[in-house]
Amino acid sequence: MIDNIKTKAANLLLKSKIAKLKREVRSTGLESARSVGIVFHFDLKSDEVIRDFARFLKEERIKVETLGYISNKEWYDKAKPELDYQYFSKKEVNWLYVPQKKETLDFINKEFDILIDCSIRSYFPIRYIVSLSKAKFKTGSNITYRAEVCDLTIDISSDKSIPFLIKQLKHYLSLIK
């Protein structure tokens, strides 16, 4: 009951913030992107896949920053924050699940050429970040809220995995000139 009320209040808050959001939308592919932000749900498997994807983008001469959300407190000690790899956890969101950590708020306000949501399931803190990001072009899977907030969504109904999503993202983002 309480969680249901919190979720409704969080959704109302987010909806009002989205209504006030002003951002310049510009279709950007990998060829012309200079900066990419990647947000994802952290677990040991996804972290390695995201790091590989980030290395690929860096090889393409793209500045990359990643932000992982840790929902399981057992995983918190396993995350390895580095310069371009940041993490936040349930401890760093308020009672409405809104991120409070300075690095997370800075990530939201960065005007990335592309923001990529690599999470497969829906987590409110990630939804909040993607929805309010000032990125010029937002992309992710076509699951849950992303159709409302992303400029490009990728159909992953045949394989709901991060590696498949990344493979599709590489393909479609390379087609945008």
C-alpha atoms as a PDB file:
ATOM      1  CA  MET A   1       0.000   0.000   0.000  1.00  0.00           C
ATOM      2  CA  ILE A   2       2.699   2.503   1.018  1.00  0.00           C
ATOM      3  CA  ASP A   3       4.876   1.487  -1.943  1.00  0.00           C
ATOM      4  CA  ASN A   4       1.893   1.993  -4.247  1.00  0.00           C
ATOM      5  CA  ILE A   5       1.369   5.519  -2.890  1.00  0.00           C
ATOM      6  CA  LYS A   6       5.092   6.269  -3.208  1.00  0.00           C
ATOM      7  CA  THR A   7       5.104   5.019  -6.801  1.00  0.00           C
ATOM      8  CA  LYS A   8       2.091   7.157  -7.725  1.00  0.00           C
ATOM      9  CA  ALA A   9       3.636  10.229  -6.080  1.00  0.00           C
ATOM     10  CA  ALA A  10       6.966   9.583  -7.831  1.00  0.00           C
ATOM     11  CA  ASN A  11       5.229   9.224 -11.206  1.00  0.00           C
ATOM     12  CA  LEU A  12       3.296  12.478 -10.674  1.00  0.00           C
ATOM     13  CA  LEU A  13       6.506  14.285  -9.743  1.00  0.00           C
ATOM     14  CA  LEU A  14       8.292  12.919 -12.804  1.00  0.00           C
ATOM     15  CA  LYS A  15       5.389  13.794 -15.103  1.00  0.00           C
ATOM     16  CA  SER A  16       5.425  17.417 -13.908  1.00  0.00           C
ATOM     17  CA  LYS A  17       9.200  17.650 -14.383  1.00  0.00           C
ATOM     18  CA  ILE A  18       8.987  16.147 -17.886  1.00  0.00           C
ATOM     19  CA  ALA A  19       6.376  18.770 -18.812  1.00  0.00           C
ATOM     20  CA  LYS A  20       8.866  21.516 -17.903  1.00  0.00           C
ATOM     21  CA  LEU A  21      11.842  19.879 -19.647  1.00  0.00           C
ATOM     22  CA  LYS A  22      13.307  21.772 -22.561  1.00  0.00           C
ATOM     23  CA  ARG A  23      15.931  20.085 -24.676  1.00  0.00           C
ATOM     24  CA  GLU A  24      17.142  20.310 -28.230  1.00  0.00           C
ATOM     25  CA  VAL A  25      16.450  17.004 -30.008  1.00  0.00           C
ATOM     26  CA  ARG A  26      18.975  16.153 -32.692  1.00  0.00           C
ATOM     27  CA  SER A  27      19.280  12.740 -34.369  1.00  0.00           C
ATOM     28  CA  THR A  28      22.875  11.694 -33.942  1.00  0.00           C
ATOM     29  CA  GLY A  29      24.614   8.528 -35.049  1.00  0.00           C
ATOM     30  CA  LEU A  30      27.907   7.003 -33.998  1.00  0.00           C
ATOM     31  CA  GLU A  31      29.717   8.692 -36.876  1.00  0.00           C
ATOM     32  CA  SER A  32      29.000  12.213 -35.641  1.00  0.00           C
ATOM     33  CA  ALA A  33      28.612  11.674 -31.884  1.00  0.00           C
ATOM     34  CA  ARG A  34      31.266  13.240 -29.687  1.00  0.00           C
ATOM     35  CA  SER A  35      29.788  12.229 -26.333  1.00  0.00           C
ATOM     36  CA  VAL A  36      27.672   9.322 -25.149  1.00  0.00           C
ATOM     37  CA  GLY A  37      26.124   8.673 -21.756  1.00  0.00           C
ATOM     38  CA  ILE A  38      25.160   5.118 -20.884  1.00  0.00           C
ATOM     39  CA  VAL A  39      22.794   4.332 -18.026  1.00  0.00           C
ATOM     40  CA  PHE A  40      22.158   0.752 -16.934  1.00  0.00           C
ATOM     41  CA  HIS A  41      21.115  -1.545 -14.117  1.00  0.00           C
ATOM     42  CA  PHE A  42      24.233  -2.966 -12.490  1.00  0.00           C
ATOM     43  CA  ASP A  43      24.980  -6.606 -11.967  1.00  0.00           C
ATOM     44  CA  LEU A  44      28.312  -8.336 -12.554  1.00  0.00           C
ATOM     45  CA  LYS A  45      27.337  -9.602 -16.000  1.00  0.00           C
ATOM     46  CA  SER A  46      25.880  -6.321 -17.271  1.00  0.00           C
ATOM     47  CA  ASP A  47      28.830  -4.322 -15.930  1.00  0.00           C
ATOM     48  CA  GLU A  48      31.297  -6.244 -18.117  1.00  0.00           C
ATOM     49  CA  VAL A  49      29.063  -5.965 -21.199  1.00  0.00           C
ATOM     50  CA  ILE A  50      28.678  -2.201 -20.644  1.00  0.00           C
ATOM     51  CA  ARG A  51      32.435  -1.760 -20.145  1.00  0.00           C
ATOM     52  CA  ASP A  52      33.061  -3.604 -23.441  1.00  0.00           C
ATOM     53  CA  PHE A  53      30.528  -1.362 -25.199  1.00  0.00           C
ATOM     54  CA  ALA A  54      32.133   1.740 -23.676  1.00  0.00           C
ATOM     55  CA  ARG A  55      35.572   0.569 -24.905  1.00  0.00           C
ATOM     56  CA  PHE A  56      34.112   0.105 -28.396  1.00  0.00           C
ATOM     57  CA  LEU A  57      32.725   3.660 -28.350  1.00  0.00           C
ATOM     58  CA  LYS A  58      36.028   5.060 -27.064  1.00  0.00           C
ATOM     59  CA  GLU A  59      37.815   3.332 -29.947  1.00  0.00           C
ATOM     60  CA  GLU A  60      35.452   5.303 -32.202  1.00  0.00           C
ATOM     61  CA  ARG A  61      36.843   8.471 -30.543  1.00  0.00           C
ATOM     62  CA  ILE A  62      33.666   9.123 -28.558  1.00  0.00           C
ATOM     63  CA  LYS A  63      33.817  10.401 -24.983  1.00  0.00           C
ATOM     64  CA  VAL A  64      31.812   7.982 -22.846  1.00  0.00           C
ATOM     65  CA  GLU A  65      30.401   8.194 -19.337  1.00  0.00           C
ATOM     66  CA  THR A  66      28.464   5.376 -17.723  1.00  0.00           C
ATOM     67  CA  LEU A  67      26.118   5.417 -14.770  1.00  0.00           C
ATOM     68  CA  GLY A  68      25.026   2.152 -13.199  1.00  0.00           C
ATOM     69  CA  TYR A  69      22.149   1.760 -10.756  1.00  0.00           C
ATOM     70  CA  ILE A  70      22.757  -0.845  -8.044  1.00  0.00           C
ATOM     71  CA  SER A  71      19.467  -2.189  -6.690  1.00  0.00           C
ATOM     72  CA  ASN A  72      20.969  -5.078  -4.713  1.00  0.00           C
ATOM     73  CA  LYS A  73      23.066  -4.061  -1.683  1.00  0.00           C
ATOM     74  CA  GLU A  74      25.191  -7.214  -2.045  1.00  0.00           C
ATOM     75  CA  TRP A  75      26.480  -5.891  -5.382  1.00  0.00           C
ATOM     76  CA  TYR A  76      27.519  -2.483  -4.046  1.00  0.00           C
ATOM     77  CA  ASP A  77      30.981  -3.662  -2.991  1.00  0.00           C
ATOM     78  CA  LYS A  78      31.494  -5.297  -6.389  1.00  0.00           C
ATOM     79  CA  ALA A  79      31.083  -2.071  -8.395  1.00  0.00           C
ATOM     80  CA  LYS A  80      34.376  -0.446  -9.329  1.00  0.00           C
ATOM     81  CA  PRO A  81      33.877   3.302  -9.808  1.00  0.00           C
ATOM     82  CA  GLU A  82      36.449   4.928 -12.066  1.00  0.00           C
ATOM     83  CA  LEU A  83      36.690   8.226 -13.884  1.00  0.00           C
ATOM     84  CA  ASP A  84      34.060   7.464 -16.554  1.00  0.00           C
ATOM     85  CA  TYR A  85      32.245   4.679 -14.679  1.00  0.00           C
ATOM     86  CA  GLN A  86      29.978   5.887 -11.876  1.00  0.00           C
ATOM     87  CA  TYR A  87      27.403   4.049  -9.799  1.00  0.00           C
ATOM     88  CA  PHE A  88      24.599   4.909  -7.425  1.00  0.00           C
ATOM     89  CA  SER A  89      22.432   2.741  -5.210  1.00  0.00           C
ATOM     90  CA  LYS A  90      19.146   2.659  -3.345  1.00  0.00           C
ATOM     91  CA  LYS A  91      20.973   4.434  -0.510  1.00  0.00           C
ATOM     92  CA  GLU A  92      21.366   7.466  -2.794  1.00  0.00           C
ATOM     93  CA  VAL A  93      17.726   7.949  -3.766  1.00  0.00           C
ATOM     94  CA  ASN A  94      15.071   9.674  -1.677  1.00  0.00           C
ATOM     95  CA  TRP A  95      11.780   8.200  -0.473  1.00  0.00           C
ATOM     96  CA  LEU A  96      10.274   8.793  -3.947  1.00  0.00           C
ATOM     97  CA  TYR A  97      13.171   6.872  -5.575  1.00  0.00           C
ATOM     98  CA  VAL A  98      14.606  10.127  -6.994  1.00  0.00           C
ATOM     99  CA  PRO A  99      18.420  10.112  -7.281  1.00  0.00           C
ATOM    100  CA  GLN A 100      20.149  12.495  -4.870  1.00  0.00           C
ATOM    101  CA  LYS A 101      23.860  11.857  -5.503  1.00  0.00           C
ATOM    102  CA  LYS A 102      25.657  14.867  -7.019  1.00  0.00           C
ATOM    103  CA  GLU A 103      27.318  12.797  -9.772  1.00  0.00           C
ATOM    104  CA  THR A 104      23.938  11.402 -10.790  1.00  0.00           C
ATOM    105  CA  LEU A 105      22.348  14.849 -10.962  1.00  0.00           C
ATOM    106  CA  ASP A 106      25.341  16.098 -12.984  1.00  0.00           C
ATOM    107  CA  PHE A 107      24.850  13.161 -15.376  1.00  0.00           C
ATOM    108  CA  ILE A 108      21.204  14.169 -15.915  1.00  0.00           C
ATOM    109  CA  ASN A 109      22.228  17.742 -16.760  1.00  0.00           C
ATOM    110  CA  LYS A 110      24.961  16.827 -19.269  1.00  0.00           C
ATOM    111  CA  GLU A 111      24.043  17.474 -22.879  1.00  0.00           C
ATOM    112  CA  PHE A 112      25.332  14.201 -24.304  1.00  0.00           C
ATOM    113  CA  ASP A 113      25.033  13.807 -28.062  1.00  0.00           C
ATOM    114  CA  ILE A 114      23.486  10.396 -27.327  1.00  0.00           C
ATOM    115  CA  LEU A 115      22.071   8.926 -24.124  1.00  0.00           C
ATOM    116  CA  ILE A 116      21.718   5.153 -24.189  1.00  0.00           C
ATOM    117  CA  ASP A 117      19.485   3.357 -21.706  1.00  0.00           C
ATOM    118  CA  CYS A 118      20.881  -0.176 -21.580  1.00  0.00           C
ATOM    119  CA  SER A 119      18.581  -1.421 -18.849  1.00  0.00           C
ATOM    120  CA  ILE A 120      16.141  -4.124 -19.817  1.00  0.00           C
ATOM    121  CA  ARG A 121      13.722  -3.912 -16.892  1.00  0.00           C
ATOM    122  CA  SER A 122      12.149  -0.762 -15.519  1.00  0.00           C
ATOM    123  CA  TYR A 123      13.712   0.848 -12.449  1.00  0.00           C
ATOM    124  CA  PHE A 124      12.290   4.206 -11.402  1.00  0.00           C
ATOM    125  CA  PRO A 125      15.687   5.865 -10.722  1.00  0.00           C
ATOM    126  CA  ILE A 126      16.838   4.957 -14.255  1.00  0.00           C
ATOM    127  CA  ARG A 127      13.519   6.083 -15.708  1.00  0.00           C
ATOM    128  CA  TYR A 128      13.936   9.396 -13.865  1.00  0.00           C
ATOM    129  CA  ILE A 129      17.448   9.895 -15.278  1.00  0.00           C
ATOM    130  CA  VAL A 130      16.519   9.016 -18.861  1.00  0.00           C
ATOM    131  CA  SER A 131      13.308  11.044 -18.777  1.00  0.00           C
ATOM    132  CA  LEU A 132      14.961  14.215 -17.487  1.00  0.00           C
ATOM    133  CA  SER A 133      18.295  13.909 -19.271  1.00  0.00           C
ATOM    134  CA  LYS A 134      19.265  16.914 -21.352  1.00  0.00           C
ATOM    135  CA  ALA A 135      20.872  14.634 -23.949  1.00  0.00           C
ATOM    136  CA  LYS A 136      20.194  15.636 -27.539  1.00  0.00           C
ATOM    137  CA  PHE A 137      19.266  12.098 -28.623  1.00  0.00           C
ATOM    138  CA  LYS A 138      17.946   9.333 -26.353  1.00  0.00           C
ATOM    139  CA  THR A 139      17.741   5.670 -27.218  1.00  0.00           C
ATOM    140  CA  GLY A 140      17.010   2.341 -25.543  1.00  0.00           C
ATOM    141  CA  SER A 141      14.870  -0.770 -25.819  1.00  0.00           C
ATOM    142  CA  ASN A 142      11.177  -0.511 -26.635  1.00  0.00           C
ATOM    143  CA  ILE A 143      10.202  -1.992 -23.273  1.00  0.00           C
ATOM    144  CA  THR A 144       8.074  -0.040 -20.735  1.00  0.00           C
ATOM    145  CA  TYR A 145       8.481   3.750 -20.425  1.00  0.00           C
ATOM    146  CA  ARG A 146      11.132   4.239 -23.114  1.00  0.00           C
ATOM    147  CA  ALA A 147       8.660   4.744 -25.968  1.00  0.00           C
ATOM    148  CA  GLU A 148       7.525   7.906 -24.166  1.00  0.00           C
ATOM    149  CA  VAL A 149      10.960   9.400 -23.509  1.00  0.00           C
ATOM    150  CA  CYS A 150      13.386   7.988 -26.085  1.00  0.00           C
ATOM    151  CA  ASP A 151      13.817   9.380 -29.577  1.00  0.00           C
ATOM    152  CA  LEU A 152      14.753   5.942 -30.934  1.00  0.00           C
ATOM    153  CA  THR A 153      13.647   2.636 -29.440  1.00  0.00           C
ATOM    154  CA  ILE A 154      14.969  -0.769 -30.386  1.00  0.00           C
ATOM    155  CA  ASP A 155      12.724  -3.837 -30.547  1.00  0.00           C
ATOM    156  CA  ILE A 156      14.284  -6.556 -28.406  1.00  0.00           C
ATOM    157  CA  SER A 157      11.220  -8.804 -28.124  1.00  0.00           C
ATOM    158  CA  SER A 158      13.118 -11.660 -29.813  1.00  0.00           C
ATOM    159  CA  ASP A 159      16.004 -11.500 -27.301  1.00  0.00           C
ATOM    160  CA  LYS A 160      15.620  -9.468 -24.102  1.00  0.00           C
ATOM    161  CA  SER A 161      19.312  -9.237 -23.290  1.00  0.00           C
ATOM    162  CA  ILE A 162      21.792  -6.394 -23.020  1.00  0.00           C
ATOM    163  CA  PRO A 163      24.234  -7.928 -25.559  1.00  0.00           C
ATOM    164  CA  PHE A 164      21.425  -8.138 -28.133  1.00  0.00           C
ATOM    165  CA  LEU A 165      20.309  -4.577 -27.377  1.00  0.00           C
ATOM    166  CA  ILE A 166      23.875  -3.304 -27.807  1.00  0.00           C
ATOM    167  CA  LYS A 167      24.286  -5.207 -31.087  1.00  0.00           C
ATOM    168  CA  GLN A 168      21.092  -3.581 -32.391  1.00  0.00           C
ATOM    169  CA  LEU A 169      22.120  -0.140 -31.094  1.00  0.00           C
ATOM    170  CA  LYS A 170      25.474  -0.377 -32.891  1.00  0.00           C
ATOM    171  CA  HIS A 171      23.663  -1.296 -36.101  1.00  0.00           C
ATOM    172  CA  TYR A 172      20.976   1.384 -36.021  1.00  0.00           C
ATOM    173  CA  LEU A 173      23.162   4.172 -34.656  1.00  0.00           C
ATOM    174  CA  SER A 174      25.686   3.489 -37.434  1.00  0.00           C
ATOM    175  CA  LEU A 175      22.913   4.082 -40.013  1.00  0.00           C
ATOM    176  CA  ILE A 176      22.205   7.613 -38.745  1.00  0.00           C
ATOM    177  CA  LYS A 177      24.460  10.116 -40.465  1.00  0.00           C
END
